[in-house]
C-alpha atoms as a PDB file:
ATOM      1  CA  MET A   1      77.204  93.727 103.339  1.00  0.00           C
ATOM      2  CA  LYS A   2      74.107  96.276 103.609  1.00  0.00           C
ATOM      3  CA  PRO A   3      73.592  98.141 100.147  1.00  0.00           C
ATOM      4  CA  SER A   4      74.320 102.241 100.610  1.00  0.00           C
ATOM      5  CA  ASP A   5      74.976 105.077  98.156  1.00  0.00           C
ATOM      6  CA  ASN A   6      78.911 105.168  99.358  1.00  0.00           C
ATOM      7  CA  VAL A   7      79.413 101.284  98.602  1.00  0.00           C
ATOM      8  CA  SER A   8      79.484  99.502  95.432  1.00  0.00           C
ATOM      9  CA  PHE A   9      79.988  95.654  93.972  1.00  0.00           C
ATOM     10  CA  PHE A  10      82.374  95.217  91.023  1.00  0.00           C
ATOM     11  CA  SER A  11      82.144  92.073  89.376  1.00  0.00           C
ATOM     12  CA  SER A  12      85.267  90.270  88.094  1.00  0.00           C
ATOM     13  CA  ALA A  13      83.150  89.436  84.796  1.00  0.00           C
ATOM     14  CA  ILE A  14      83.383  93.063  84.092  1.00  0.00           C
ATOM     15  CA  TYR A  15      85.966  95.184  85.817  1.00  0.00           C
ATOM     16  CA  SER A  16      89.002  94.078  86.564  1.00  0.00           C
ATOM     17  CA  ALA A  17      90.848  94.255  89.682  1.00  0.00           C
ATOM     18  CA  GLU A  18      93.812  96.428  88.362  1.00  0.00           C
ATOM     19  CA  ALA A  19      90.784  99.047  86.805  1.00  0.00           C
ATOM     20  CA  VAL A  20      89.387  99.348  90.511  1.00  0.00           C
ATOM     21  CA  ARG A  21      92.697 100.145  91.846  1.00  0.00           C
ATOM     22  CA  LEU A  22      93.641 102.361  89.242  1.00  0.00           C
ATOM     23  CA  ALA A  23      90.114 104.401  89.794  1.00  0.00           C
ATOM     24  CA  ALA A  24      91.037 103.896  93.774  1.00  0.00           C
ATOM     25  CA  ALA A  25      94.306 106.260  93.161  1.00  0.00           C
ATOM     26  CA  VAL A  26      92.722 108.478  90.563  1.00  0.00           C
ATOM     27  CA  MET A  27      90.087 109.462  93.311  1.00  0.00           C
ATOM     28  CA  GLU A  28      92.482 109.490  96.100  1.00  0.00           C
ATOM     29  CA  GLY A  29      92.886 112.987  96.488  1.00  0.00           C
ATOM     30  CA  ARG A  30      88.871 113.939  96.245  1.00  0.00           C
ATOM     31  CA  MET A  31      87.558 110.976  98.777  1.00  0.00           C
ATOM     32  CA  GLY A  32      88.650 108.335 101.144  1.00  0.00           C
ATOM     33  CA  VAL A  33      88.199 104.722  99.310  1.00  0.00           C
ATOM     34  CA  LYS A  34      88.349 101.330 100.789  1.00  0.00           C
ATOM     35  CA  VAL A  35      88.587  98.088  98.366  1.00  0.00           C
ATOM     36  CA  SER A  36      88.040  94.990  99.734  1.00  0.00           C
ATOM     37  CA  LYS A  37      87.815  91.419  97.809  1.00  0.00           C
ATOM     38  CA  ALA A  38      84.209  89.833  97.727  1.00  0.00           C
ATOM     39  CA  PRO A  39      83.198  86.717  96.108  1.00  0.00           C
ATOM     40  CA  GLY A  40      82.860  87.374  92.637  1.00  0.00           C
ATOM     41  CA  GLY A  41      84.466  90.773  92.621  1.00  0.00           C
ATOM     42  CA  LEU A  42      85.425  93.879  94.447  1.00  0.00           C
ATOM     43  CA  ASN A  43      83.361  95.497  97.190  1.00  0.00           C
ATOM     44  CA  VAL A  44      84.456  99.297  97.218  1.00  0.00           C
ATOM     45  CA  SER A  45      83.537 101.801 100.256  1.00  0.00           C
ATOM     46  CA  VAL A  46      84.090 105.609  98.984  1.00  0.00           C
ATOM     47  CA  SER A  47      83.803 108.480 102.084  1.00  0.00           C
ATOM     48  CA  GLY A  48      84.378 111.900 102.556  1.00  0.00           C
ATOM     49  CA  PRO A  49      82.642 115.352 101.796  1.00  0.00           C
ATOM     50  CA  GLY A  50      81.173 115.105  98.396  1.00  0.00           C
ATOM     51  CA  ALA A  51      81.910 111.206  98.146  1.00  0.00           C
ATOM     52  CA  SER A  52      79.745 109.654  95.675  1.00  0.00           C
ATOM     53  CA  ALA A  53      80.138 106.258  94.654  1.00  0.00           C
ATOM     54  CA  GLY A  54      78.635 107.075  91.313  1.00  0.00           C
ATOM     55  CA  GLU A  55      81.618 109.007  90.491  1.00  0.00           C
ATOM     56  CA  PHE A  56      83.664 106.424  91.615  1.00  0.00           C
ATOM     57  CA  ALA A  57      82.009 103.877  89.309  1.00  0.00           C
ATOM     58  CA  ASN A  58      82.507 106.044  86.291  1.00  0.00           C
ATOM     59  CA  GLU A  59      86.211 106.610  86.948  1.00  0.00           C
ATOM     60  CA  ALA A  60      86.458 102.327  87.282  1.00  0.00           C
ATOM     61  CA  LEU A  61      84.773 102.203  83.945  1.00  0.00           C
ATOM     62  CA  ASN A  62      86.949 104.890  82.023  1.00  0.00           C
ATOM     63  CA  GLN A  63      89.754 102.680  83.866  1.00  0.00           C
ATOM     64  CA  GLN A  64      88.272  99.436  82.194  1.00  0.00           C
ATOM     65  CA  CYS A  65      87.917 101.021  79.153  1.00  0.00           C
ATOM     66  CA  ARG A  66      91.212 102.370  78.903  1.00  0.00           C
ATOM     67  CA  LEU A  67      93.062  99.166  79.781  1.00  0.00           C
ATOM     68  CA  ASP A  68      90.665  96.835  77.125  1.00  0.00           C
ATOM     69  CA  LEU A  69      91.586  99.500  74.314  1.00  0.00           C
ATOM     70  CA  TRP A  70      95.256  99.000  75.141  1.00  0.00           C
ATOM     71  CA  ARG A  71      94.810  95.163  75.018  1.00  0.00           C
ATOM     72  CA  VAL A  72      93.253  95.840  71.860  1.00  0.00           C
ATOM     73  CA  ASN A  73      95.709  98.079  70.244  1.00  0.00           C
ATOM     74  CA  SER A  74      98.975  97.345  72.103  1.00  0.00           C
ATOM     75  CA  ARG A  75     100.560  95.808  68.933  1.00  0.00           C
ATOM     76  CA  ILE A  76      99.648  98.015  66.253  1.00  0.00           C
ATOM     77  CA  ALA A  77     100.994 100.834  68.664  1.00  0.00           C
ATOM     78  CA  SER A  78     104.472  98.965  69.016  1.00  0.00           C
ATOM     79  CA  ILE A  79     104.498  98.477  65.208  1.00  0.00           C
ATOM     80  CA  ILE A  80     103.872 101.948  64.737  1.00  0.00           C
ATOM     81  CA  THR A  81     106.727 103.227  66.981  1.00  0.00           C
ATOM     82  CA  THR A  82     109.090 100.893  65.763  1.00  0.00           C
ATOM     83  CA  LYS A  83     108.756 102.180  62.207  1.00  0.00           C
ATOM     84  CA  ALA A  84     108.881 105.714  63.489  1.00  0.00           C
ATOM     85  CA  LEU A  85     112.086 104.864  65.158  1.00  0.00           C
ATOM     86  CA  LEU A  86     113.842 103.264  62.113  1.00  0.00           C
ATOM     87  CA  SER A  87     112.731 105.693  59.900  1.00  0.00           C
ATOM     88  CA  ALA A  88     114.176 108.610  62.263  1.00  0.00           C
ATOM     89  CA  ALA A  89     117.458 106.405  62.808  1.00  0.00           C
ATOM     90  CA  GLY A  90     117.721 106.014  58.845  1.00  0.00           C
ATOM     91  CA  GLU A  91     117.306 102.460  58.601  1.00  0.00           C
ATOM     92  CA  LYS A  92     119.737 100.686  56.288  1.00  0.00           C
ATOM     93  CA  LYS A  93     118.812  98.140  53.848  1.00  0.00           C
ATOM     94  CA  ALA A  94     120.977  94.873  53.928  1.00  0.00           C
ATOM     95  CA  PRO A  95     123.019  94.443  50.507  1.00  0.00           C
ATOM     96  CA  ARG A  96     121.597  92.190  48.073  1.00  0.00           C
ATOM     97  CA  GLY A  97     122.936  88.657  47.334  1.00  0.00           C
ATOM     98  CA  ARG A  98     124.741  87.881  50.137  1.00  0.00           C
END
């Protein structure tokens, strides 16, 4: 594929397909986005008035960072939520000696 200002390649070593697809959904109202498979990643073509491959790449990076942070922090977030719900429900302690 011939490189241009409106076509970008997203390597699967850096960007997950989920992050690229989330970015496409976010940018859907502002520009036309076409995602296609390529060896080692995804090609993304953007079109429309004011469409910028750089703007799309920035959104893809934002989505990838969010996914990475969620993977790292999901366990602790789950523990905090569980403790908060148990606290709000008035956790009952099991009787001793039984």
